[in-house]
C-alpha atoms as a PDB file:
ATOM      1  CA  MET A   1      18.977  90.064 104.044  1.00  0.00           C
ATOM      2  CA  THR A   2      15.364  88.830 104.040  1.00  0.00           C
ATOM      3  CA  ALA A   3      16.486  85.301 103.222  1.00  0.00           C
ATOM      4  CA  PHE A   4      19.315  85.584 105.716  1.00  0.00           C
ATOM      5  CA  ASN A   5      16.969  86.744 108.473  1.00  0.00           C
ATOM      6  CA  GLN A   6      14.705  83.759 107.815  1.00  0.00           C
ATOM      7  CA  ALA A   7      17.669  81.382 108.041  1.00  0.00           C
ATOM      8  CA  ASP A   8      18.929  83.121 111.167  1.00  0.00           C
ATOM      9  CA  ASP A   9      15.506  82.831 112.772  1.00  0.00           C
ATOM     10  CA  LEU A  10      15.380  79.110 111.943  1.00  0.00           C
ATOM     11  CA  ILE A  11      18.822  78.517 113.461  1.00  0.00           C
ATOM     12  CA  HIS A  12      18.366  80.501 116.660  1.00  0.00           C
ATOM     13  CA  ASN A  13      14.704  79.842 117.373  1.00  0.00           C
ATOM     14  CA  THR A  14      14.462  76.204 116.259  1.00  0.00           C
ATOM     15  CA  LEU A  15      17.760  74.416 115.681  1.00  0.00           C
ATOM     16  CA  PHE A  16      19.879  75.834 118.510  1.00  0.00           C
ATOM     17  CA  PRO A  17      17.212  75.379 121.215  1.00  0.00           C
ATOM     18  CA  ALA A  18      16.634  71.803 120.064  1.00  0.00           C
ATOM     19  CA  ALA A  19      20.374  71.073 120.018  1.00  0.00           C
ATOM     20  CA  ASN A  20      20.820  72.599 123.477  1.00  0.00           C
ATOM     21  CA  GLN A  21      17.897  70.598 124.832  1.00  0.00           C
ATOM     22  CA  LEU A  22      19.344  67.408 123.357  1.00  0.00           C
ATOM     23  CA  ALA A  23      22.743  68.130 124.887  1.00  0.00           C
ATOM     24  CA  SER A  24      21.130  68.851 128.251  1.00  0.00           C
ATOM     25  CA  ILE A  25      19.080  65.636 128.152  1.00  0.00           C
ATOM     26  CA  ASN A  26      22.162  63.555 127.377  1.00  0.00           C
ATOM     27  CA  ASN A  27      24.194  65.335 130.037  1.00  0.00           C
ATOM     28  CA  ASP A  28      21.502  64.745 132.656  1.00  0.00           C
ATOM     29  CA  ALA A  29      21.208  61.078 131.668  1.00  0.00           C
ATOM     30  CA  LEU A  30      24.963  60.581 131.891  1.00  0.00           C
ATOM     31  CA  THR A  31      25.107  62.329 135.266  1.00  0.00           C
ATOM     32  CA  GLN A  32      22.302  60.145 136.620  1.00  0.00           C
ATOM     33  CA  SER A  33      23.956  56.990 135.274  1.00  0.00           C
ATOM     34  CA  TYR A  34      27.287  58.038 136.789  1.00  0.00           C
ATOM     35  CA  GLN A  35      25.768  58.633 140.219  1.00  0.00           C
ATOM     36  CA  THR A  36      23.977  55.270 140.114  1.00  0.00           C
ATOM     37  CA  HIS A  37      27.028  53.275 139.033  1.00  0.00           C
ATOM     38  CA  ARG A  38      29.328  55.042 141.466  1.00  0.00           C
ATOM     39  CA  SER A  39      26.966  54.327 144.368  1.00  0.00           C
ATOM     40  CA  THR A  40      26.666  50.709 143.233  1.00  0.00           C
ATOM     41  CA  GLY A  41      30.447  50.360 143.075  1.00  0.00           C
ATOM     42  CA  ILE A  42      30.849  51.670 146.620  1.00  0.00           C
ATOM     43  CA  VAL A  43      28.120  49.335 147.946  1.00  0.00           C
ATOM     44  CA  MET A  44      29.649  46.346 146.140  1.00  0.00           C
ATOM     45  CA  ALA A  45      33.087  47.046 147.616  1.00  0.00           C
ATOM     46  CA  ILE A  46      31.613  47.247 151.126  1.00  0.00           C
ATOM     47  CA  VAL A  47      29.573  44.051 150.661  1.00  0.00           C
ATOM     48  CA  VAL A  48      32.611  42.157 149.365  1.00  0.00           C
ATOM     49  CA  ALA A  49      34.709  43.342 152.296  1.00  0.00           C
ATOM     50  CA  ILE A  50      32.051  42.391 154.875  1.00  0.00           C
ATOM     51  CA  ALA A  51      31.344  38.984 153.307  1.00  0.00           C
ATOM     52  CA  GLY A  52      35.049  38.246 152.965  1.00  0.00           C
ATOM     53  CA  LEU A  53      35.856  39.220 156.527  1.00  0.00           C
ATOM     54  CA  ALA A  54      32.917  37.112 157.744  1.00  0.00           C
ATOM     55  CA  LEU A  55      34.356  34.128 155.886  1.00  0.00           C
ATOM     56  CA  VAL A  56      37.790  34.787 157.375  1.00  0.00           C
ATOM     57  CA  GLY A  57      36.169  34.869 160.815  1.00  0.00           C
ATOM     58  CA  VAL A  58      34.478  31.517 160.191  1.00  0.00           C
ATOM     59  CA  LEU A  59      37.740  29.950 158.972  1.00  0.00           C
ATOM     60  CA  VAL A  60      39.679  31.247 161.969  1.00  0.00           C
ATOM     61  CA  ALA A  61      36.962  30.056 164.350  1.00  0.00           C
ATOM     62  CA  THR A  62      37.044  26.633 162.686  1.00  0.00           C
ATOM     63  CA  GLN A  63      40.807  26.370 163.139  1.00  0.00           C
ATOM     64  CA  VAL A  64      40.518  27.390 166.803  1.00  0.00           C
ATOM     65  CA  PHE A  65      37.783  24.821 167.308  1.00  0.00           C
ATOM     66  CA  LEU A  66      39.855  22.058 165.679  1.00  0.00           C
ATOM     67  CA  SER A  67      42.935  23.057 167.638  1.00  0.00           C
ATOM     68  CA  ARG A  68      41.065  22.749 170.924  1.00  0.00           C
ATOM     69  CA  ARG A  69      39.157  19.542 170.143  1.00  0.00           C
ATOM     70  CA  THR A  70      41.708  17.570 168.141  1.00  0.00           C
ATOM     71  CA  ARG A  71      44.879  19.055 169.641  1.00  0.00           C
ATOM     72  CA  ARG A  72      46.262  19.800 166.195  1.00  0.00           C
ATOM     73  CA  THR A  73      47.589  23.333 166.141  1.00  0.00           C
ATOM     74  CA  PHE A  74      47.931  23.818 162.411  1.00  0.00           C
ATOM     75  CA  ASN A  75      45.629  22.817 159.556  1.00  0.00           C
ATOM     76  CA  PRO A  76      47.589  23.671 156.380  1.00  0.00           C
ATOM     77  CA  PHE A  77      44.544  23.511 154.114  1.00  0.00           C
ATOM     78  CA  LEU A  78      42.519  25.903 156.287  1.00  0.00           C
ATOM     79  CA  ILE A  79      45.472  28.246 156.668  1.00  0.00           C
ATOM     80  CA  VAL A  80      45.896  28.426 152.886  1.00  0.00           C
ATOM     81  CA  ALA A  81      42.126  28.909 152.485  1.00  0.00           C
ATOM     82  CA  THR A  82      42.251  31.808 154.964  1.00  0.00           C
ATOM     83  CA  VAL A  83      45.185  33.428 153.155  1.00  0.00           C
ATOM     84  CA  LEU A  84      43.444  33.045 149.785  1.00  0.00           C
ATOM     85  CA  THR A  85      40.302  34.606 151.240  1.00  0.00           C
ATOM     86  CA  LEU A  86      42.276  37.619 152.435  1.00  0.00           C
ATOM     87  CA  VAL A  87      43.944  37.905 149.018  1.00  0.00           C
ATOM     88  CA  LEU A  88      40.553  37.666 147.314  1.00  0.00           C
ATOM     89  CA  ILE A  89      39.079  40.364 149.556  1.00  0.00           C
ATOM     90  CA  GLY A  90      41.974  42.700 148.828  1.00  0.00           C
ATOM     91  CA  GLU A  91      41.897  42.000 145.094  1.00  0.00           C
ATOM     92  CA  ILE A  92      38.143  42.423 144.634  1.00  0.00           C
ATOM     93  CA  ALA A  93      37.819  45.455 146.925  1.00  0.00           C
ATOM     94  CA  GLY A  94      40.910  47.057 145.377  1.00  0.00           C
ATOM     95  CA  THR A  95      39.633  46.417 141.854  1.00  0.00           C
ATOM     96  CA  LEU A  96      36.206  47.867 142.597  1.00  0.00           C
ATOM     97  CA  GLY A  97      37.789  50.857 144.343  1.00  0.00           C
ATOM     98  CA  ALA A  98      40.138  51.530 141.420  1.00  0.00           C
ATOM     99  CA  ALA A  99      37.322  51.183 138.879  1.00  0.00           C
ATOM    100  CA  ASN A 100      35.168  53.536 140.934  1.00  0.00           C
ATOM    101  CA  GLU A 101      37.943  56.122 141.076  1.00  0.00           C
ATOM    102  CA  HIS A 102      38.525  55.890 137.324  1.00  0.00           C
ATOM    103  CA  LEU A 103      34.779  56.351 136.822  1.00  0.00           C
ATOM    104  CA  ARG A 104      34.903  59.483 138.980  1.00  0.00           C
ATOM    105  CA  GLY A 105      37.871  60.773 136.985  1.00  0.00           C
ATOM    106  CA  ALA A 106      36.161  60.122 133.666  1.00  0.00           C
ATOM    107  CA  LYS A 107      33.013  62.003 134.707  1.00  0.00           C
ATOM    108  CA  GLN A 108      34.116  64.798 137.017  1.00  0.00           C
ATOM    109  CA  ASP A 109      37.675  65.495 135.852  1.00  0.00           C
ATOM    110  CA  ALA A 110      37.306  64.922 132.104  1.00  0.00           C
ATOM    111  CA  TYR A 111      33.687  64.850 130.928  1.00  0.00           C
ATOM    112  CA  ASP A 112      32.563  67.894 132.918  1.00  0.00           C
ATOM    113  CA  SER A 113      35.359  69.906 131.283  1.00  0.00           C
ATOM    114  CA  ILE A 114      34.533  68.538 127.828  1.00  0.00           C
ATOM    115  CA  TYR A 115      30.888  69.532 128.263  1.00  0.00           C
ATOM    116  CA  ALA A 116      31.832  73.046 129.376  1.00  0.00           C
ATOM    117  CA  LEU A 117      34.411  73.495 126.619  1.00  0.00           C
ATOM    118  CA  THR A 118      32.286  72.203 123.733  1.00  0.00           C
ATOM    119  CA  SER A 119      29.427  74.401 124.964  1.00  0.00           C
ATOM    120  CA  ALA A 120      31.799  77.367 125.158  1.00  0.00           C
ATOM    121  CA  ARG A 121      33.063  76.689 121.663  1.00  0.00           C
ATOM    122  CA  ALA A 122      29.564  76.538 120.169  1.00  0.00           C
ATOM    123  CA  VAL A 123      28.387  79.679 121.944  1.00  0.00           C
ATOM    124  CA  SER A 124      31.529  81.672 121.171  1.00  0.00           C
ATOM    125  CA  TYR A 125      31.311  80.799 117.455  1.00  0.00           C
ATOM    126  CA  ASP A 126      27.731  82.035 117.462  1.00  0.00           C
ATOM    127  CA  ALA A 127      28.725  85.215 119.307  1.00  0.00           C
ATOM    128  CA  ASN A 128      31.538  85.839 116.831  1.00  0.00           C
ATOM    129  CA  ALA A 129      29.009  85.588 114.007  1.00  0.00           C
ATOM    130  CA  ASP A 130      26.770  88.102 115.794  1.00  0.00           C
ATOM    131  CA  GLU A 131      29.683  90.535 115.933  1.00  0.00           C
ATOM    132  CA  SER A 132      30.021  90.462 112.155  1.00  0.00           C
ATOM    133  CA  LEU A 133      26.263  90.471 111.605  1.00  0.00           C
ATOM    134  CA  TRP A 134      26.041  93.648 113.658  1.00  0.00           C
ATOM    135  CA  LEU A 135      28.237  95.309 111.038  1.00  0.00           C
ATOM    136  CA  LEU A 136      26.494  93.659 108.108  1.00  0.00           C
ATOM    137  CA  ALA A 137      23.071  94.748 109.331  1.00  0.00           C
ATOM    138  CA  GLN A 138      24.324  98.296 109.931  1.00  0.00           C
ATOM    139  CA  ASP A 139      24.496  98.316 113.705  1.00  0.00           C
ATOM    140  CA  ASP A 140      21.270  96.357 114.283  1.00  0.00           C
ATOM    141  CA  PRO A 141      20.896  96.361 118.103  1.00  0.00           C
ATOM    142  CA  ARG A 142      19.503  92.813 118.072  1.00  0.00           C
ATOM    143  CA  TYR A 143      22.910  91.418 117.155  1.00  0.00           C
ATOM    144  CA  GLU A 144      24.712  93.523 119.729  1.00  0.00           C
ATOM    145  CA  THR A 145      22.319  92.329 122.446  1.00  0.00           C
ATOM    146  CA  SER A 146      22.714  88.740 121.280  1.00  0.00           C
ATOM    147  CA  PHE A 147      26.515  89.091 121.288  1.00  0.00           C
ATOM    148  CA  MET A 148      26.532  90.470 124.826  1.00  0.00           C
ATOM    149  CA  THR A 149      24.243  87.700 126.075  1.00  0.00           C
ATOM    150  CA  LYS A 150      26.285  84.914 124.504  1.00  0.00           C
ATOM    151  CA  THR A 151      29.690  86.199 125.528  1.00  0.00           C
ATOM    152  CA  ARG A 152      28.499  86.346 129.135  1.00  0.00           C
ATOM    153  CA  GLN A 153      27.754  82.632 128.907  1.00  0.00           C
ATOM    154  CA  ILE A 154      31.510  82.232 128.407  1.00  0.00           C
ATOM    155  CA  SER A 155      32.571  84.670 131.132  1.00  0.00           C
ATOM    156  CA  ASP A 156      30.362  86.806 133.314  1.00  0.00           C
ATOM    157  CA  PRO A 157      31.446  89.504 133.942  1.00  0.00           C
ATOM    158  CA  TRP A 158      33.596  89.952 130.858  1.00  0.00           C
ATOM    159  CA  LEU A 159      37.234  89.031 131.283  1.00  0.00           C
ATOM    160  CA  THR A 160      39.765  91.847 131.112  1.00  0.00           C
ATOM    161  CA  ASP A 161      43.564  91.738 130.894  1.00  0.00           C
ATOM    162  CA  ALA A 162      43.760  92.721 134.560  1.00  0.00           C
ATOM    163  CA  ALA A 163      41.371  89.931 135.571  1.00  0.00           C
ATOM    164  CA  VAL A 164      43.309  87.380 133.515  1.00  0.00           C
ATOM    165  CA  LYS A 165      46.559  88.267 135.297  1.00  0.00           C
ATOM    166  CA  SER A 166      44.971  87.326 138.629  1.00  0.00           C
ATOM    167  CA  LEU A 167      43.685  83.932 137.460  1.00  0.00           C
ATOM    168  CA  PRO A 168      46.857  81.856 138.140  1.00  0.00           C
ATOM    169  CA  GLN A 169      46.617  82.544 141.866  1.00  0.00           C
ATOM    170  CA  TYR A 170      43.073  81.124 141.932  1.00  0.00           C
ATOM    171  CA  VAL A 171      43.917  78.122 139.763  1.00  0.00           C
ATOM    172  CA  ASP A 172      47.103  77.245 141.658  1.00  0.00           C
ATOM    173  CA  ALA A 173      45.311  77.549 145.011  1.00  0.00           C
ATOM    174  CA  HIS A 174      42.384  75.435 143.720  1.00  0.00           C
ATOM    175  CA  GLN A 175      39.994  78.289 144.455  1.00  0.00           C
ATOM    176  CA  LEU A 176      36.958  79.252 142.381  1.00  0.00           C
ATOM    177  CA  VAL A 177      37.778  81.934 139.832  1.00  0.00           C
ATOM    178  CA  PRO A 178      35.985  85.292 140.352  1.00  0.00           C
ATOM    179  CA  PHE A 179      33.554  84.959 137.441  1.00  0.00           C
ATOM    180  CA  SER A 180      31.011  82.470 136.131  1.00  0.00           C
ATOM    181  CA  GLY A 181      30.389  80.825 132.759  1.00  0.00           C
ATOM    182  CA  TYR A 182      31.711  77.934 130.690  1.00  0.00           C
ATOM    183  CA  LEU A 183      35.301  79.179 130.807  1.00  0.00           C
ATOM    184  CA  ALA A 184      35.073  79.497 134.581  1.00  0.00           C
ATOM    185  CA  ASN A 185      33.821  75.896 134.800  1.00  0.00           C
ATOM    186  CA  GLU A 186      36.952  74.749 132.995  1.00  0.00           C
ATOM    187  CA  LEU A 187      39.332  76.872 135.061  1.00  0.00           C
ATOM    188  CA  ASN A 188      37.723  75.485 138.231  1.00  0.00           C
ATOM    189  CA  ASN A 189      38.330  71.918 137.036  1.00  0.00           C
ATOM    190  CA  ILE A 190      42.033  71.908 136.079  1.00  0.00           C
ATOM    191  CA  THR A 191      43.304  68.338 136.455  1.00  0.00           C
ATOM    192  CA  PHE A 192      45.563  67.058 133.679  1.00  0.00           C
ATOM    193  CA  LEU A 193      49.059  67.772 132.402  1.00  0.00           C
ATOM    194  CA  GLY A 194      49.089  70.803 130.113  1.00  0.00           C
ATOM    195  CA  GLU A 195      45.528  71.784 131.017  1.00  0.00           C
ATOM    196  CA  ARG A 196      46.473  74.706 133.274  1.00  0.00           C
ATOM    197  CA  GLU A 197      48.555  76.478 130.639  1.00  0.00           C
ATOM    198  CA  ALA A 198      46.027  75.928 127.850  1.00  0.00           C
ATOM    199  CA  ALA A 199      43.112  77.138 130.009  1.00  0.00           C
ATOM    200  CA  LEU A 200      44.927  80.291 131.101  1.00  0.00           C
ATOM    201  CA  ASN A 201      45.909  81.010 127.495  1.00  0.00           C
ATOM    202  CA  ALA A 202      42.305  80.510 126.365  1.00  0.00           C
ATOM    203  CA  ALA A 203      41.212  83.031 129.002  1.00  0.00           C
ATOM    204  CA  THR A 204      43.947  85.442 127.925  1.00  0.00           C
ATOM    205  CA  TYR A 205      42.923  85.474 124.265  1.00  0.00           C
ATOM    206  CA  TRP A 206      39.225  85.557 125.110  1.00  0.00           C
ATOM    207  CA  ALA A 207      39.884  88.754 127.070  1.00  0.00           C
ATOM    208  CA  LYS A 208      41.822  90.157 124.081  1.00  0.00           C
ATOM    209  CA  TYR A 209      38.938  89.258 121.773  1.00  0.00           C
ATOM    210  CA  LEU A 210      36.448  91.055 124.004  1.00  0.00           C
ATOM    211  CA  ALA A 211      38.683  94.127 124.199  1.00  0.00           C
ATOM    212  CA  ILE A 212      38.957  94.231 120.399  1.00  0.00           C
ATOM    213  CA  ASP A 213      35.157  93.987 120.149  1.00  0.00           C
ATOM    214  CA  GLY A 214      34.963  97.223 122.111  1.00  0.00           C
ATOM    215  CA  GLN A 215      37.346  98.802 119.608  1.00  0.00           C
ATOM    216  CA  ILE A 216      35.218  97.541 116.712  1.00  0.00           C
ATOM    217  CA  ARG A 217      32.041  99.117 118.016  1.00  0.00           C
ATOM    218  CA  GLY A 218      33.742 102.361 118.932  1.00  0.00           C
ATOM    219  CA  LEU A 219      35.442 102.622 115.538  1.00  0.00           C
ATOM    220  CA  ASP A 220      32.230 101.946 113.607  1.00  0.00           C
ATOM    221  CA  ARG A 221      30.266 104.492 115.613  1.00  0.00           C
ATOM    222  CA  SER A 222      32.946 107.055 114.867  1.00  0.00           C
ATOM    223  CA  GLY A 223      32.186 106.638 111.149  1.00  0.00           C
ATOM    224  CA  ASP A 224      35.136 104.489 109.985  1.00  0.00           C
ATOM    225  CA  HIS A 225      33.144 101.516 108.677  1.00  0.00           C
ATOM    226  CA  ALA A 226      35.885 100.246 106.365  1.00  0.00           C
ATOM    227  CA  GLY A 227      38.407 100.304 109.194  1.00  0.00           C
ATOM    228  CA  THR A 228      35.912  98.513 111.418  1.00  0.00           C
ATOM    229  CA  VAL A 229      35.415  95.713 108.894  1.00  0.00           C
ATOM    230  CA  ALA A 230      39.176  95.334 108.480  1.00  0.00           C
ATOM    231  CA  LEU A 231      39.597  95.080 112.261  1.00  0.00           C
ATOM    232  CA  ASP A 232      36.711  92.608 112.541  1.00  0.00           C
ATOM    233  CA  ILE A 233      37.815  90.122 109.892  1.00  0.00           C
ATOM    234  CA  GLY A 234      41.581  90.660 110.177  1.00  0.00           C
ATOM    235  CA  THR A 235      43.858  87.775 111.160  1.00  0.00           C
ATOM    236  CA  ASN A 236      46.944  89.801 112.018  1.00  0.00           C
ATOM    237  CA  GLU A 237      48.028  90.285 115.604  1.00  0.00           C
ATOM    238  CA  GLY A 238      45.768  92.770 117.331  1.00  0.00           C
ATOM    239  CA  GLN A 239      42.803  92.061 115.047  1.00  0.00           C
ATOM    240  CA  SER A 240      39.579  90.281 115.987  1.00  0.00           C
ATOM    241  CA  ASN A 241      39.910  87.002 114.115  1.00  0.00           C
ATOM    242  CA  TRP A 242      43.521  86.647 115.286  1.00  0.00           C
ATOM    243  CA  ALA A 243      42.389  86.807 118.921  1.00  0.00           C
ATOM    244  CA  PHE A 244      39.354  84.594 118.351  1.00  0.00           C
ATOM    245  CA  ASP A 245      41.243  81.950 116.346  1.00  0.00           C
ATOM    246  CA  THR A 246      44.001  81.776 118.964  1.00  0.00           C
ATOM    247  CA  TYR A 247      41.409  81.436 121.738  1.00  0.00           C
ATOM    248  CA  ASP A 248      39.669  78.704 119.741  1.00  0.00           C
ATOM    249  CA  GLN A 249      42.932  76.798 119.226  1.00  0.00           C
ATOM    250  CA  TYR A 250      43.482  76.649 122.984  1.00  0.00           C
ATOM    251  CA  VAL A 251      39.880  75.552 123.561  1.00  0.00           C
ATOM    252  CA  ALA A 252      40.355  72.774 120.992  1.00  0.00           C
ATOM    253  CA  GLN A 253      43.591  71.770 122.752  1.00  0.00           C
ATOM    254  CA  LEU A 254      41.759  71.624 126.081  1.00  0.00           C
ATOM    255  CA  ILE A 255      39.049  69.428 124.584  1.00  0.00           C
ATOM    256  CA  ASP A 256      41.719  67.044 123.229  1.00  0.00           C
ATOM    257  CA  ILE A 257      43.481  66.873 126.612  1.00  0.00           C
ATOM    258  CA  ASN A 258      40.270  66.016 128.433  1.00  0.00           C
ATOM    259  CA  GLN A 259      39.048  63.651 125.723  1.00  0.00           C
ATOM    260  CA  GLN A 260      42.262  61.634 125.932  1.00  0.00           C
ATOM    261  CA  ALA A 261      41.955  61.530 129.726  1.00  0.00           C
ATOM    262  CA  PHE A 262      38.324  60.442 129.447  1.00  0.00           C
ATOM    263  CA  ASP A 263      39.175  57.646 127.007  1.00  0.00           C
ATOM    264  CA  GLY A 264      42.066  56.561 129.233  1.00  0.00           C
ATOM    265  CA  SER A 265      39.860  56.407 132.331  1.00  0.00           C
ATOM    266  CA  ILE A 266      37.189  54.368 130.562  1.00  0.00           C
ATOM    267  CA  GLN A 267      39.814  51.950 129.245  1.00  0.00           C
ATOM    268  CA  ALA A 268      41.299  51.681 132.741  1.00  0.00           C
ATOM    269  CA  ILE A 269      37.882  50.645 134.101  1.00  0.00           C
ATOM    270  CA  PHE A 270      37.680  47.780 131.608  1.00  0.00           C
ATOM    271  CA  THR A 271      41.269  46.851 132.415  1.00  0.00           C
ATOM    272  CA  ASP A 272      40.503  46.829 136.143  1.00  0.00           C
ATOM    273  CA  LEU A 273      37.414  44.690 135.790  1.00  0.00           C
ATOM    274  CA  GLY A 274      38.721  42.464 133.017  1.00  0.00           C
ATOM    275  CA  GLY A 275      42.381  42.320 134.017  1.00  0.00           C
ATOM    276  CA  THR A 276      45.346  43.051 131.769  1.00  0.00           C
ATOM    277  CA  THR A 277      45.429  39.368 130.810  1.00  0.00           C
ATOM    278  CA  GLY A 278      41.671  38.874 130.736  1.00  0.00           C
ATOM    279  CA  ILE A 279      41.600  37.602 134.343  1.00  0.00           C
ATOM    280  CA  GLY A 280      39.733  40.211 136.299  1.00  0.00           C
ATOM    281  CA  ALA A 281      37.432  40.423 139.285  1.00  0.00           C
ATOM    282  CA  ASP A 282      34.637  38.611 137.449  1.00  0.00           C
ATOM    283  CA  THR A 283      36.981  35.646 136.810  1.00  0.00           C
ATOM    284  CA  LEU A 284      38.939  35.629 140.068  1.00  0.00           C
ATOM    285  CA  LEU A 285      35.846  35.468 142.259  1.00  0.00           C
ATOM    286  CA  PRO A 286      34.496  32.058 141.092  1.00  0.00           C
ATOM    287  CA  ILE A 287      37.977  30.533 140.709  1.00  0.00           C
ATOM    288  CA  PHE A 288      39.156  31.569 144.167  1.00  0.00           C
ATOM    289  CA  SER A 289      35.787  30.669 145.700  1.00  0.00           C
ATOM    290  CA  LEU A 290      35.950  27.117 144.338  1.00  0.00           C
ATOM    291  CA  LEU A 291      39.570  26.820 145.418  1.00  0.00           C
ATOM    292  CA  ILE A 292      38.734  27.984 148.957  1.00  0.00           C
ATOM    293  CA  VAL A 293      35.833  25.502 149.147  1.00  0.00           C
ATOM    294  CA  ALA A 294      38.139  22.687 147.989  1.00  0.00           C
ATOM    295  CA  LEU A 295      40.808  23.598 150.551  1.00  0.00           C
ATOM    296  CA  VAL A 296      38.239  23.685 153.350  1.00  0.00           C
ATOM    297  CA  TRP A 297      36.898  20.302 152.268  1.00  0.00           C
ATOM    298  CA  PHE A 298      40.348  18.702 152.168  1.00  0.00           C
ATOM    299  CA  GLY A 299      41.218  20.345 155.472  1.00  0.00           C
ATOM    300  CA  LEU A 300      38.143  19.011 157.296  1.00  0.00           C
ATOM    301  CA  GLN A 301      37.891  15.554 155.728  1.00  0.00           C
ATOM    302  CA  PRO A 302      40.715  13.980 157.790  1.00  0.00           C
ATOM    303  CA  ARG A 303      39.230  15.328 161.025  1.00  0.00           C
ATOM    304  CA  ILE A 304      35.739  14.109 160.141  1.00  0.00           C
ATOM    305  CA  ALA A 305      37.128  10.708 159.172  1.00  0.00           C
ATOM    306  CA  GLU A 306      38.568  10.253 162.660  1.00  0.00           C
ATOM    307  CA  TYR A 307      35.032  10.071 164.099  1.00  0.00           C
ATOM    308  CA  ARG A 308      33.624   7.516 161.652  1.00  0.00           C
END
């Protein structure tokens, strides 16, 4: 126990705080980067739209001018240049808008859930260890206090069966659930197919796990230590590890759902900007710009030549 206490002190007072700080630093950096890139994407879309519409205005004004001065109603080259400009505006603005929306989905819909769920998984594993350590250390109050503190990071106040039954009405109405914690963060961010069911099931088995913890402590304090240990490490239905393992399976499923959505959104951004055939916004802009310049040149040359 002396060696174990030294190892436990190292984990909880050195390694865990450092790991949590590292996770927080990376999360803050990603959030800042997301906000910067999203703002840049919105500004770029607006600038493209304004510049494109200004060019359309110039082309239309040029055609009106030529129509009045040269009495030629239509200039095919300028008309095509105007149409291409409108197409270019729509394509670039649409591409930037789609990429921006996929970026929002990757961060807010997927990553925020992944961060909450991986944090919940780490904390709940640690809490589950504290539950067993409480028995191993013969009801040491430190482990009970630690367990209570960590489980409230998952759900505060503790989830009960009655509270779980009311959760669908909050989730389906897109209202904040009536508790806080990592599990609440996930339930407040349901987005993808299969996520609702997995999140509600995770909440259900977390509530069962907490209820069984109460049984464990009550049974041990009544003097049945052997029965308490059996209930704590048992994997049969109604036992602690059964509830915890089932909860953990649903959390892992939720992480997979959001990870796949995150990967899909990131890939969609590259597809938007690079095009499904490699011809994206970065390629269309110079090609269409040169084509528009050429059309304007060919459209104006005959009119200019008339005055030489």
